[in-house]
Amino acid sequence: MTDDFVERGVTDLTPQLTKIKRAGAQVIIGEIYGSSAPVLYNQWAELRVPALIAHMGATVSAQDFIDKHRALMEGSLINNRWWPARYTELSEPTLAAYKKKTGVDATNFAVQAHDAAVVAIEGLVRAGGLDADKIAAQIESGTFTLAWGTRKFQPLAEGHRMPIETVIVQVQNGKKVPIYPPSLATREGTKYVTVPPYAWEKK
């Protein structure tokens, strides 16, 4: 196991990938954004690093990025965060309204922003006014029906968060296929495809 920090905007990952290859690592776990993201895949293929890429970043989860780098990304695992589905009665109307207004599908950031606004407004309504303490109490103790599911804040001692179950996808034939959580994969009828062969080994 090795841990490397790469500066933002780097255009050469040869030192890191060479080290990974020499160490015999089986998986490359990381997040490299923006212009550095294609560098990772291109140099990984050029150096023929026999390690599966498991990416945490938002850049590589975008379908247009996958379309551009389809051949190199085959088999990669990606933290996709948001997977469109009918979590509650708000899910489909929210997604449809967003696409009608913007012309594109909602990202996880758009859905989170929507749900945060719903929580804030519901907190105001339930508090019956603008008393900050009452609003905070309602938000802290309430259960909320949101586009991303029915959610509730954890107790303060547990972080005061609204945890979600992360969706992991694998790139298969140029498309994102959910492989985790198992309930989603079962519903979609999808499963993990073993790697190798790696993208650069395929003809």
N, C-alpha and C. Protein backbone atom coordinates (compact mmCIF):
# COMPACT_ATOMS: atom_id res chain seq x y z
N MET A 1 0.84 -1.18 0.00
CA MET A 1 0.00 0.00 0.00
C MET A 1 0.88 1.24 0.00
N THR A 2 0.49 2.23 -0.80
CA THR A 2 1.24 3.49 -0.84
C THR A 2 0.26 4.64 -0.91
N ASP A 3 0.69 5.79 -0.45
CA ASP A 3 -0.18 6.96 -0.44
C ASP A 3 0.59 8.12 -1.05
N ASP A 4 0.04 8.70 -2.12
CA ASP A 4 0.72 9.78 -2.81
C ASP A 4 -0.21 10.97 -3.00
N PHE A 5 0.33 12.16 -2.77
CA PHE A 5 -0.41 13.38 -3.05
C PHE A 5 0.09 13.97 -4.36
N VAL A 6 -0.85 14.29 -5.24
CA VAL A 6 -0.50 14.86 -6.54
C VAL A 6 -1.04 16.28 -6.61
N GLU A 7 -0.21 17.21 -7.01
CA GLU A 7 -0.64 18.60 -7.11
C GLU A 7 -1.75 18.75 -8.15
N ARG A 8 -2.66 19.68 -7.89
CA ARG A 8 -3.74 19.96 -8.83
C ARG A 8 -3.17 20.46 -10.16
N GLY A 9 -3.75 19.98 -11.26
CA GLY A 9 -3.33 20.41 -12.58
C GLY A 9 -2.11 19.69 -13.12
N VAL A 10 -1.63 18.66 -12.44
CA VAL A 10 -0.45 17.94 -12.89
C VAL A 10 -0.69 17.32 -14.27
N THR A 11 0.35 17.31 -15.10
CA THR A 11 0.21 16.77 -16.46
C THR A 11 1.07 15.52 -16.67
N ASP A 12 1.75 15.07 -15.62
CA ASP A 12 2.58 13.87 -15.74
C ASP A 12 2.48 13.06 -14.46
N LEU A 13 1.87 11.90 -14.57
CA LEU A 13 1.74 11.00 -13.43
C LEU A 13 2.68 9.79 -13.54
N THR A 14 3.67 9.90 -14.43
CA THR A 14 4.60 8.79 -14.64
C THR A 14 5.27 8.33 -13.35
N PRO A 15 5.77 9.25 -12.49
CA PRO A 15 6.43 8.79 -11.26
C PRO A 15 5.50 7.97 -10.36
N GLN A 16 4.27 8.45 -10.20
CA GLN A 16 3.32 7.75 -9.33
C GLN A 16 2.91 6.40 -9.92
N LEU A 17 2.61 6.39 -11.23
CA LEU A 17 2.16 5.15 -11.86
C LEU A 17 3.28 4.12 -11.95
N THR A 18 4.50 4.58 -12.16
CA THR A 18 5.65 3.67 -12.18
C THR A 18 5.85 3.03 -10.81
N LYS A 19 5.72 3.84 -9.78
CA LYS A 19 5.84 3.34 -8.40
C LYS A 19 4.76 2.30 -8.11
N ILE A 20 3.53 2.59 -8.54
CA ILE A 20 2.41 1.68 -8.32
C ILE A 20 2.65 0.35 -9.05
N LYS A 21 3.12 0.45 -10.27
CA LYS A 21 3.38 -0.76 -11.06
C LYS A 21 4.49 -1.58 -10.42
N ARG A 22 5.55 -0.92 -10.00
CA ARG A 22 6.68 -1.61 -9.37
C ARG A 22 6.28 -2.29 -8.06
N ALA A 23 5.36 -1.64 -7.32
CA ALA A 23 4.93 -2.19 -6.04
C ALA A 23 3.98 -3.38 -6.20
N GLY A 24 3.43 -3.54 -7.39
CA GLY A 24 2.52 -4.64 -7.63
C GLY A 24 1.13 -4.41 -7.07
N ALA A 25 0.75 -3.13 -6.93
CA ALA A 25 -0.57 -2.81 -6.40
C ALA A 25 -1.66 -3.34 -7.32
N GLN A 26 -2.76 -3.79 -6.73
CA GLN A 26 -3.85 -4.34 -7.52
C GLN A 26 -4.92 -3.31 -7.87
N VAL A 27 -4.99 -2.25 -7.07
CA VAL A 27 -6.02 -1.23 -7.27
C VAL A 27 -5.42 0.16 -7.06
N ILE A 28 -5.82 1.10 -7.90
CA ILE A 28 -5.45 2.51 -7.74
C ILE A 28 -6.70 3.24 -7.27
N ILE A 29 -6.71 3.68 -6.02
CA ILE A 29 -7.85 4.39 -5.47
C ILE A 29 -7.48 5.85 -5.32
N GLY A 30 -8.24 6.74 -5.92
CA GLY A 30 -7.91 8.16 -5.81
C GLY A 30 -8.95 9.03 -6.45
N GLU A 31 -8.70 10.32 -6.41
CA GLU A 31 -9.56 11.27 -7.10
C GLU A 31 -8.71 12.36 -7.70
N ILE A 32 -8.74 12.42 -9.01
CA ILE A 32 -8.00 13.42 -9.78
C ILE A 32 -9.01 14.11 -10.68
N TYR A 33 -9.07 15.43 -10.57
CA TYR A 33 -10.14 16.18 -11.22
C TYR A 33 -9.66 16.92 -12.47
N GLY A 34 -10.66 17.43 -13.18
CA GLY A 34 -10.40 18.35 -14.29
C GLY A 34 -9.44 17.81 -15.33
N SER A 35 -8.50 18.67 -15.74
CA SER A 35 -7.59 18.32 -16.84
C SER A 35 -6.64 17.19 -16.49
N SER A 36 -6.47 16.90 -15.20
CA SER A 36 -5.57 15.81 -14.80
C SER A 36 -6.22 14.44 -14.95
N ALA A 37 -7.55 14.39 -14.98
CA ALA A 37 -8.25 13.11 -15.02
C ALA A 37 -7.91 12.28 -16.25
N PRO A 38 -7.93 12.86 -17.48
CA PRO A 38 -7.55 12.04 -18.63
C PRO A 38 -6.09 11.62 -18.61
N VAL A 39 -5.24 12.42 -17.95
CA VAL A 39 -3.82 12.06 -17.83
C VAL A 39 -3.68 10.73 -17.11
N LEU A 40 -4.47 10.55 -16.04
CA LEU A 40 -4.43 9.31 -15.28
C LEU A 40 -4.70 8.11 -16.18
N TYR A 41 -5.78 8.17 -16.94
CA TYR A 41 -6.16 7.03 -17.77
C TYR A 41 -5.19 6.82 -18.93
N ASN A 42 -4.77 7.89 -19.58
CA ASN A 42 -3.86 7.75 -20.71
C ASN A 42 -2.51 7.18 -20.30
N GLN A 43 -1.94 7.70 -19.21
CA GLN A 43 -0.62 7.22 -18.80
C GLN A 43 -0.71 5.84 -18.15
N TRP A 44 -1.81 5.56 -17.48
CA TRP A 44 -2.03 4.21 -16.94
C TRP A 44 -1.99 3.18 -18.07
N ALA A 45 -2.62 3.51 -19.20
CA ALA A 45 -2.64 2.59 -20.34
C ALA A 45 -1.27 2.53 -21.02
N GLU A 46 -0.63 3.69 -21.17
CA GLU A 46 0.69 3.73 -21.82
C GLU A 46 1.72 2.91 -21.04
N LEU A 47 1.67 2.98 -19.72
CA LEU A 47 2.62 2.26 -18.87
C LEU A 47 2.15 0.83 -18.58
N ARG A 48 0.94 0.51 -19.01
CA ARG A 48 0.38 -0.82 -18.81
C ARG A 48 0.46 -1.25 -17.35
N VAL A 49 -0.14 -0.44 -16.51
CA VAL A 49 -0.14 -0.70 -15.07
C VAL A 49 -1.26 -1.69 -14.76
N PRO A 50 -0.92 -2.89 -14.31
CA PRO A 50 -1.95 -3.92 -14.06
C PRO A 50 -2.67 -3.72 -12.74
N ALA A 51 -3.37 -2.61 -12.64
CA ALA A 51 -4.14 -2.29 -11.43
C ALA A 51 -5.47 -1.68 -11.85
N LEU A 52 -6.52 -2.10 -11.19
CA LEU A 52 -7.85 -1.56 -11.47
C LEU A 52 -7.95 -0.13 -10.94
N ILE A 53 -8.50 0.76 -11.74
CA ILE A 53 -8.71 2.14 -11.28
C ILE A 53 -10.07 2.25 -10.61
N ALA A 54 -10.04 2.65 -9.34
CA ALA A 54 -11.27 2.90 -8.57
C ALA A 54 -11.26 4.38 -8.22
N HIS A 55 -12.08 5.16 -8.90
CA HIS A 55 -12.01 6.61 -8.82
C HIS A 55 -13.10 7.21 -7.96
N MET A 56 -12.71 8.21 -7.14
CA MET A 56 -13.64 8.84 -6.22
C MET A 56 -14.21 10.15 -6.75
N GLY A 57 -13.64 10.68 -7.82
CA GLY A 57 -13.96 12.03 -8.24
C GLY A 57 -15.19 12.18 -9.10
N ALA A 58 -15.72 13.41 -9.11
CA ALA A 58 -16.92 13.70 -9.88
C ALA A 58 -16.63 13.83 -11.37
N THR A 59 -15.43 14.28 -11.74
CA THR A 59 -15.10 14.48 -13.15
C THR A 59 -15.31 13.22 -13.96
N VAL A 60 -14.76 12.11 -13.49
CA VAL A 60 -14.80 10.89 -14.29
C VAL A 60 -16.17 10.20 -14.25
N SER A 61 -17.06 10.63 -13.36
CA SER A 61 -18.39 10.02 -13.33
C SER A 61 -19.34 10.66 -14.33
N ALA A 62 -18.93 11.76 -14.94
CA ALA A 62 -19.77 12.42 -15.94
C ALA A 62 -19.81 11.58 -17.22
N GLN A 63 -21.00 11.39 -17.77
CA GLN A 63 -21.12 10.54 -18.95
C GLN A 63 -20.35 11.11 -20.14
N ASP A 64 -20.27 12.43 -20.26
CA ASP A 64 -19.52 12.99 -21.39
C ASP A 64 -18.03 12.68 -21.27
N PHE A 65 -17.51 12.61 -20.03
CA PHE A 65 -16.10 12.23 -19.83
C PHE A 65 -15.91 10.76 -20.22
N ILE A 66 -16.85 9.92 -19.80
CA ILE A 66 -16.76 8.50 -20.15
C ILE A 66 -16.86 8.31 -21.66
N ASP A 67 -17.73 9.08 -22.31
CA ASP A 67 -17.85 8.99 -23.77
C ASP A 67 -16.53 9.31 -24.46
N LYS A 68 -15.81 10.31 -23.96
CA LYS A 68 -14.54 10.73 -24.57
C LYS A 68 -13.43 9.72 -24.34
N HIS A 69 -13.49 9.01 -23.21
CA HIS A 69 -12.39 8.11 -22.83
C HIS A 69 -12.89 6.68 -22.65
N ARG A 70 -13.89 6.35 -23.43
CA ARG A 70 -14.59 5.07 -23.27
C ARG A 70 -13.66 3.87 -23.26
N ALA A 71 -12.77 3.78 -24.23
CA ALA A 71 -11.91 2.59 -24.35
C ALA A 71 -11.01 2.41 -23.13
N LEU A 72 -10.48 3.52 -22.61
CA LEU A 72 -9.56 3.43 -21.48
C LEU A 72 -10.27 3.20 -20.16
N MET A 73 -11.52 3.59 -20.06
CA MET A 73 -12.24 3.50 -18.79
C MET A 73 -12.95 2.17 -18.58
N GLU A 74 -12.97 1.32 -19.58
CA GLU A 74 -13.67 0.05 -19.47
C GLU A 74 -13.21 -0.73 -18.24
N GLY A 75 -14.17 -1.10 -17.39
CA GLY A 75 -13.86 -1.87 -16.19
C GLY A 75 -13.61 -1.04 -14.95
N SER A 76 -13.41 0.27 -15.10
CA SER A 76 -13.14 1.14 -13.96
C SER A 76 -14.32 1.18 -13.00
N LEU A 77 -14.00 1.37 -11.73
CA LEU A 77 -15.02 1.58 -10.70
C LEU A 77 -15.07 3.06 -10.36
N ILE A 78 -16.27 3.59 -10.16
CA ILE A 78 -16.41 5.02 -9.88
C ILE A 78 -17.44 5.23 -8.78
N ASN A 79 -17.10 6.09 -7.84
CA ASN A 79 -18.05 6.55 -6.83
C ASN A 79 -18.98 7.52 -7.54
N ASN A 80 -20.19 7.09 -7.84
CA ASN A 80 -21.12 7.89 -8.63
C ASN A 80 -22.00 8.80 -7.79
N ARG A 81 -22.02 8.57 -6.47
CA ARG A 81 -22.80 9.35 -5.51
C ARG A 81 -24.31 9.25 -5.76
N TRP A 82 -24.77 9.84 -6.86
CA TRP A 82 -26.21 9.94 -7.12
C TRP A 82 -26.60 9.00 -8.26
N TRP A 83 -27.65 8.22 -8.01
CA TRP A 83 -28.20 7.37 -9.08
C TRP A 83 -29.69 7.67 -9.19
N PRO A 84 -30.15 8.17 -10.35
CA PRO A 84 -31.56 8.52 -10.50
C PRO A 84 -32.48 7.33 -10.26
N ALA A 85 -33.46 7.53 -9.42
CA ALA A 85 -34.43 6.47 -9.12
C ALA A 85 -35.61 7.11 -8.40
N ARG A 86 -36.67 6.32 -8.18
CA ARG A 86 -37.83 6.81 -7.46
C ARG A 86 -37.66 6.49 -5.98
N TYR A 87 -36.98 7.38 -5.27
CA TYR A 87 -36.76 7.18 -3.84
C TYR A 87 -38.02 7.56 -3.05
N THR A 88 -38.67 8.64 -3.47
CA THR A 88 -39.92 9.09 -2.86
C THR A 88 -40.78 9.69 -3.97
N GLU A 89 -41.96 10.17 -3.60
CA GLU A 89 -42.83 10.80 -4.59
C GLU A 89 -42.26 12.11 -5.14
N LEU A 90 -41.25 12.66 -4.47
CA LEU A 90 -40.61 13.90 -4.95
C LEU A 90 -39.56 13.65 -6.03
N SER A 91 -39.02 12.44 -6.10
CA SER A 91 -37.87 12.16 -6.96
C SER A 91 -38.12 12.50 -8.43
N GLU A 92 -39.10 11.86 -9.02
CA GLU A 92 -39.33 12.02 -10.45
C GLU A 92 -39.76 13.43 -10.84
N PRO A 93 -40.69 14.07 -10.11
CA PRO A 93 -41.05 15.45 -10.45
C PRO A 93 -39.86 16.41 -10.35
N THR A 94 -39.01 16.20 -9.35
CA THR A 94 -37.82 17.07 -9.18
C THR A 94 -36.89 16.93 -10.36
N LEU A 95 -36.60 15.69 -10.75
CA LEU A 95 -35.69 15.45 -11.87
C LEU A 95 -36.26 15.99 -13.18
N ALA A 96 -37.56 15.80 -13.38
CA ALA A 96 -38.20 16.27 -14.61
C ALA A 96 -38.18 17.80 -14.68
N ALA A 97 -38.47 18.45 -13.55
CA ALA A 97 -38.47 19.92 -13.52
C ALA A 97 -37.08 20.48 -13.75
N TYR A 98 -36.08 19.83 -13.18
CA TYR A 98 -34.70 20.30 -13.36
C TYR A 98 -34.27 20.20 -14.82
N LYS A 99 -34.59 19.06 -15.44
CA LYS A 99 -34.19 18.89 -16.84
C LYS A 99 -34.94 19.85 -17.76
N LYS A 100 -36.21 20.10 -17.46
CA LYS A 100 -36.98 21.04 -18.28
C LYS A 100 -36.39 22.44 -18.19
N LYS A 101 -35.94 22.83 -17.02
CA LYS A 101 -35.41 24.18 -16.82
C LYS A 101 -33.99 24.34 -17.36
N THR A 102 -33.16 23.30 -17.18
CA THR A 102 -31.74 23.44 -17.53
C THR A 102 -31.35 22.74 -18.83
N GLY A 103 -32.14 21.75 -19.24
CA GLY A 103 -31.80 21.00 -20.44
C GLY A 103 -30.85 19.84 -20.20
N VAL A 104 -30.43 19.64 -18.96
CA VAL A 104 -29.52 18.54 -18.63
C VAL A 104 -30.06 17.78 -17.41
N ASP A 105 -29.55 16.58 -17.21
CA ASP A 105 -29.97 15.79 -16.05
C ASP A 105 -29.36 16.36 -14.78
N ALA A 106 -30.08 16.21 -13.69
CA ALA A 106 -29.61 16.71 -12.40
C ALA A 106 -28.40 15.92 -11.91
N THR A 107 -27.42 16.62 -11.39
CA THR A 107 -26.25 15.99 -10.76
C THR A 107 -26.55 15.77 -9.29
N ASN A 108 -25.66 15.09 -8.61
CA ASN A 108 -25.83 14.90 -7.17
C ASN A 108 -25.84 16.23 -6.44
N PHE A 109 -25.07 17.21 -6.94
CA PHE A 109 -25.03 18.52 -6.29
C PHE A 109 -26.38 19.24 -6.42
N ALA A 110 -27.01 19.12 -7.58
CA ALA A 110 -28.32 19.74 -7.79
C ALA A 110 -29.37 19.12 -6.88
N VAL A 111 -29.34 17.79 -6.76
CA VAL A 111 -30.31 17.09 -5.92
C VAL A 111 -30.09 17.45 -4.45
N GLN A 112 -28.83 17.50 -4.03
CA GLN A 112 -28.52 17.87 -2.65
C GLN A 112 -28.98 19.30 -2.36
N ALA A 113 -28.79 20.20 -3.32
CA ALA A 113 -29.21 21.59 -3.12
C ALA A 113 -30.73 21.67 -2.99
N HIS A 114 -31.43 20.93 -3.83
CA HIS A 114 -32.89 20.89 -3.76
C HIS A 114 -33.34 20.38 -2.39
N ASP A 115 -32.75 19.26 -1.97
CA ASP A 115 -33.17 18.65 -0.71
C ASP A 115 -32.83 19.53 0.49
N ALA A 116 -31.71 20.24 0.43
CA ALA A 116 -31.35 21.16 1.52
C ALA A 116 -32.39 22.28 1.63
N ALA A 117 -32.85 22.77 0.47
CA ALA A 117 -33.87 23.82 0.48
C ALA A 117 -35.18 23.31 1.07
N VAL A 118 -35.54 22.07 0.72
CA VAL A 118 -36.78 21.47 1.26
C VAL A 118 -36.68 21.35 2.78
N VAL A 119 -35.54 20.90 3.28
CA VAL A 119 -35.35 20.76 4.73
C VAL A 119 -35.48 22.12 5.41
N ALA A 120 -34.85 23.16 4.82
CA ALA A 120 -34.90 24.49 5.42
C ALA A 120 -36.34 25.03 5.45
N ILE A 121 -37.04 24.90 4.34
CA ILE A 121 -38.42 25.39 4.27
C ILE A 121 -39.33 24.62 5.21
N GLU A 122 -39.18 23.31 5.24
CA GLU A 122 -39.98 22.48 6.15
C GLU A 122 -39.71 22.85 7.60
N GLY A 123 -38.45 23.13 7.90
CA GLY A 123 -38.09 23.54 9.26
C GLY A 123 -38.81 24.82 9.66
N LEU A 124 -38.89 25.77 8.75
CA LEU A 124 -39.60 27.03 8.99
C LEU A 124 -41.09 26.78 9.22
N VAL A 125 -41.68 25.97 8.33
CA VAL A 125 -43.12 25.70 8.42
C VAL A 125 -43.45 25.00 9.73
N ARG A 126 -42.67 23.99 10.06
CA ARG A 126 -42.94 23.22 11.28
C ARG A 126 -42.72 24.04 12.55
N ALA A 127 -41.78 24.98 12.48
CA ALA A 127 -41.51 25.84 13.64
C ALA A 127 -42.59 26.90 13.81
N GLY A 128 -43.35 27.15 12.74
CA GLY A 128 -44.43 28.13 12.80
C GLY A 128 -43.96 29.56 12.90
N GLY A 129 -42.74 29.83 12.45
CA GLY A 129 -42.22 31.19 12.51
C GLY A 129 -40.72 31.22 12.29
N LEU A 130 -40.11 32.35 12.66
CA LEU A 130 -38.70 32.56 12.40
C LEU A 130 -37.81 32.44 13.64
N ASP A 131 -38.33 31.85 14.70
CA ASP A 131 -37.53 31.64 15.89
C ASP A 131 -36.43 30.62 15.58
N ALA A 132 -35.19 31.06 15.66
CA ALA A 132 -34.06 30.22 15.24
C ALA A 132 -33.97 28.91 16.03
N ASP A 133 -34.18 28.98 17.33
CA ASP A 133 -34.09 27.77 18.15
C ASP A 133 -35.17 26.76 17.79
N LYS A 134 -36.38 27.26 17.54
CA LYS A 134 -37.48 26.36 17.16
C LYS A 134 -37.22 25.72 15.79
N ILE A 135 -36.69 26.51 14.87
CA ILE A 135 -36.38 25.99 13.54
C ILE A 135 -35.31 24.90 13.64
N ALA A 136 -34.25 25.21 14.41
CA ALA A 136 -33.17 24.24 14.59
C ALA A 136 -33.68 22.95 15.21
N ALA A 137 -34.56 23.07 16.18
CA ALA A 137 -35.11 21.89 16.85
C ALA A 137 -35.93 21.05 15.88
N GLN A 138 -36.71 21.71 15.03
CA GLN A 138 -37.52 20.98 14.06
C GLN A 138 -36.65 20.25 13.03
N ILE A 139 -35.61 20.94 12.56
CA ILE A 139 -34.72 20.32 11.58
C ILE A 139 -33.96 19.16 12.21
N GLU A 140 -33.52 19.37 13.44
CA GLU A 140 -32.72 18.35 14.12
C GLU A 140 -33.53 17.08 14.42
N SER A 141 -34.79 17.24 14.74
CA SER A 141 -35.59 16.08 15.16
C SER A 141 -36.50 15.52 14.07
N GLY A 142 -36.65 16.26 12.99
CA GLY A 142 -37.63 15.87 11.98
C GLY A 142 -37.16 14.81 11.00
N THR A 143 -38.14 14.19 10.37
CA THR A 143 -37.91 13.27 9.26
C THR A 143 -38.46 13.94 8.01
N PHE A 144 -37.69 13.93 6.92
CA PHE A 144 -38.04 14.71 5.74
C PHE A 144 -38.15 13.83 4.49
N THR A 145 -39.19 14.06 3.73
CA THR A 145 -39.38 13.37 2.46
C THR A 145 -38.71 14.22 1.38
N LEU A 146 -37.64 13.67 0.78
CA LEU A 146 -36.82 14.43 -0.15
C LEU A 146 -36.67 13.68 -1.48
N ALA A 147 -36.09 14.35 -2.46
CA ALA A 147 -35.88 13.70 -3.75
C ALA A 147 -34.94 12.51 -3.65
N TRP A 148 -34.01 12.59 -2.66
CA TRP A 148 -33.01 11.53 -2.49
C TRP A 148 -33.40 10.58 -1.36
N GLY A 149 -34.66 10.51 -1.05
CA GLY A 149 -35.12 9.56 -0.05
C GLY A 149 -35.70 10.22 1.18
N THR A 150 -36.19 9.41 2.09
CA THR A 150 -36.69 9.89 3.37
C THR A 150 -35.51 9.97 4.32
N ARG A 151 -35.23 11.18 4.81
CA ARG A 151 -33.96 11.40 5.52
C ARG A 151 -34.18 12.03 6.88
N LYS A 152 -33.20 11.80 7.76
CA LYS A 152 -33.24 12.34 9.11
C LYS A 152 -31.81 12.58 9.58
N PHE A 153 -31.60 13.67 10.31
CA PHE A 153 -30.26 13.94 10.84
C PHE A 153 -29.90 12.96 11.94
N GLN A 154 -28.64 12.57 11.96
CA GLN A 154 -28.13 11.78 13.09
C GLN A 154 -28.05 12.67 14.33
N PRO A 155 -27.96 12.07 15.53
CA PRO A 155 -27.72 12.86 16.73
C PRO A 155 -26.38 13.60 16.63
N LEU A 156 -26.24 14.68 17.37
CA LEU A 156 -25.02 15.48 17.36
C LEU A 156 -23.80 14.63 17.65
N ALA A 157 -23.92 13.69 18.58
CA ALA A 157 -22.79 12.84 18.97
C ALA A 157 -22.31 11.95 17.82
N GLU A 158 -23.19 11.74 16.83
CA GLU A 158 -22.84 10.89 15.68
C GLU A 158 -22.52 11.71 14.43
N GLY A 159 -22.40 13.01 14.61
CA GLY A 159 -21.97 13.84 13.48
C GLY A 159 -23.00 14.76 12.88
N HIS A 160 -24.28 14.63 13.29
CA HIS A 160 -25.33 15.52 12.79
C HIS A 160 -25.40 15.51 11.27
N ARG A 161 -25.25 14.36 10.66
CA ARG A 161 -25.27 14.26 9.20
C ARG A 161 -26.52 13.51 8.74
N MET A 162 -26.81 13.61 7.45
CA MET A 162 -27.85 12.81 6.82
C MET A 162 -27.15 11.83 5.90
N PRO A 163 -26.68 10.71 6.43
CA PRO A 163 -25.89 9.78 5.60
C PRO A 163 -26.71 9.14 4.50
N ILE A 164 -26.05 8.89 3.39
CA ILE A 164 -26.68 8.20 2.26
C ILE A 164 -25.84 6.98 1.91
N GLU A 165 -26.44 6.05 1.19
CA GLU A 165 -25.70 4.88 0.74
C GLU A 165 -25.09 5.20 -0.61
N THR A 166 -23.77 5.24 -0.65
CA THR A 166 -23.06 5.60 -1.87
C THR A 166 -23.30 4.56 -2.96
N VAL A 167 -23.44 5.05 -4.19
CA VAL A 167 -23.58 4.16 -5.34
C VAL A 167 -22.23 4.02 -6.03
N ILE A 168 -21.81 2.78 -6.24
CA ILE A 168 -20.58 2.50 -6.98
C ILE A 168 -20.99 1.93 -8.32
N VAL A 169 -20.42 2.50 -9.39
CA VAL A 169 -20.70 2.00 -10.73
C VAL A 169 -19.43 1.45 -11.36
N GLN A 170 -19.61 0.59 -12.34
CA GLN A 170 -18.50 0.12 -13.15
C GLN A 170 -18.79 0.52 -14.59
N VAL A 171 -17.76 0.93 -15.32
CA VAL A 171 -17.93 1.27 -16.72
C VAL A 171 -17.94 -0.03 -17.52
N GLN A 172 -19.05 -0.30 -18.15
CA GLN A 172 -19.22 -1.50 -18.97
C GLN A 172 -19.78 -1.10 -20.32
N ASN A 173 -19.00 -1.38 -21.37
CA ASN A 173 -19.41 -1.01 -22.74
C ASN A 173 -19.72 0.48 -22.83
N GLY A 174 -18.93 1.28 -22.13
CA GLY A 174 -19.07 2.72 -22.23
C GLY A 174 -20.20 3.32 -21.41
N LYS A 175 -20.86 2.52 -20.58
CA LYS A 175 -21.96 3.02 -19.77
C LYS A 175 -21.70 2.74 -18.29
N LYS A 176 -22.33 3.56 -17.44
CA LYS A 176 -22.22 3.35 -16.00
C LYS A 176 -23.22 2.30 -15.56
N VAL A 177 -22.72 1.27 -14.91
CA VAL A 177 -23.56 0.17 -14.45
C VAL A 177 -23.43 0.07 -12.93
N PRO A 178 -24.53 0.20 -12.18
CA PRO A 178 -24.43 0.14 -10.72
C PRO A 178 -24.10 -1.27 -10.23
N ILE A 179 -23.10 -1.36 -9.35
CA ILE A 179 -22.74 -2.66 -8.78
C ILE A 179 -22.87 -2.66 -7.26
N TYR A 180 -23.09 -1.48 -6.66
CA TYR A 180 -23.28 -1.35 -5.22
C TYR A 180 -24.13 -0.11 -4.95
N PRO A 181 -25.06 -0.18 -4.02
CA PRO A 181 -25.36 -1.26 -3.08
C PRO A 181 -26.05 -2.44 -3.77
N PRO A 182 -25.99 -3.61 -3.14
CA PRO A 182 -26.57 -4.82 -3.74
C PRO A 182 -28.04 -4.67 -4.09
N SER A 183 -28.79 -3.93 -3.27
CA SER A 183 -30.23 -3.76 -3.55
C SER A 183 -30.45 -3.06 -4.88
N LEU A 184 -29.62 -2.06 -5.18
CA LEU A 184 -29.75 -1.33 -6.45
C LEU A 184 -29.31 -2.21 -7.61
N ALA A 185 -28.20 -2.92 -7.45
CA ALA A 185 -27.71 -3.80 -8.52
C ALA A 185 -28.74 -4.88 -8.84
N THR A 186 -29.37 -5.42 -7.80
CA THR A 186 -30.41 -6.44 -8.00
C THR A 186 -31.59 -5.86 -8.75
N ARG A 187 -32.00 -4.64 -8.35
CA ARG A 187 -33.14 -4.00 -9.00
C ARG A 187 -32.86 -3.70 -10.47
N GLU A 188 -31.61 -3.30 -10.76
CA GLU A 188 -31.23 -2.95 -12.13
C GLU A 188 -30.81 -4.17 -12.94
N GLY A 189 -30.59 -5.31 -12.26
CA GLY A 189 -30.15 -6.52 -12.95
C GLY A 189 -28.72 -6.43 -13.45
N THR A 190 -27.87 -5.77 -12.67
CA THR A 190 -26.48 -5.56 -13.07
C THR A 190 -25.52 -6.18 -12.07
N LYS A 191 -24.27 -6.40 -12.49
CA LYS A 191 -23.28 -6.99 -11.60
C LYS A 191 -21.87 -6.60 -12.05
N TYR A 192 -20.92 -6.77 -11.14
CA TYR A 192 -19.52 -6.47 -11.39
C TYR A 192 -18.95 -7.44 -12.42
N VAL A 193 -18.17 -6.91 -13.36
CA VAL A 193 -17.47 -7.72 -14.35
C VAL A 193 -16.00 -7.77 -13.96
N THR A 194 -15.45 -8.96 -13.86
CA THR A 194 -14.08 -9.14 -13.38
C THR A 194 -13.07 -8.48 -14.31
N VAL A 195 -12.10 -7.83 -13.69
CA VAL A 195 -10.96 -7.23 -14.38
C VAL A 195 -9.71 -7.84 -13.76
N PRO A 196 -8.68 -8.31 -14.53
CA PRO A 196 -8.49 -8.15 -15.97
C PRO A 196 -9.40 -9.06 -16.81
N PRO A 197 -9.36 -8.87 -18.18
CA PRO A 197 -8.42 -8.03 -18.92
C PRO A 197 -8.67 -6.54 -18.69
N TYR A 198 -7.58 -5.77 -18.73
CA TYR A 198 -7.66 -4.33 -18.60
C TYR A 198 -7.97 -3.69 -19.94
N ALA A 199 -8.38 -2.43 -19.89
CA ALA A 199 -8.77 -1.75 -21.12
C ALA A 199 -7.66 -1.78 -22.15
N TRP A 200 -6.41 -1.63 -21.70
CA TRP A 200 -5.31 -1.57 -22.67
C TRP A 200 -4.91 -2.95 -23.20
N GLU A 201 -5.50 -4.01 -22.65
CA GLU A 201 -5.22 -5.37 -23.15
C GLU A 201 -6.21 -5.81 -24.22
N LYS A 202 -7.30 -5.06 -24.33
CA LYS A 202 -8.35 -5.46 -25.27
C LYS A 202 -8.04 -4.98 -26.67
N LYS A 203 -8.38 -5.77 -27.63
CA LYS A 203 -8.13 -5.43 -29.04
C LYS A 203 -9.31 -4.68 -29.63
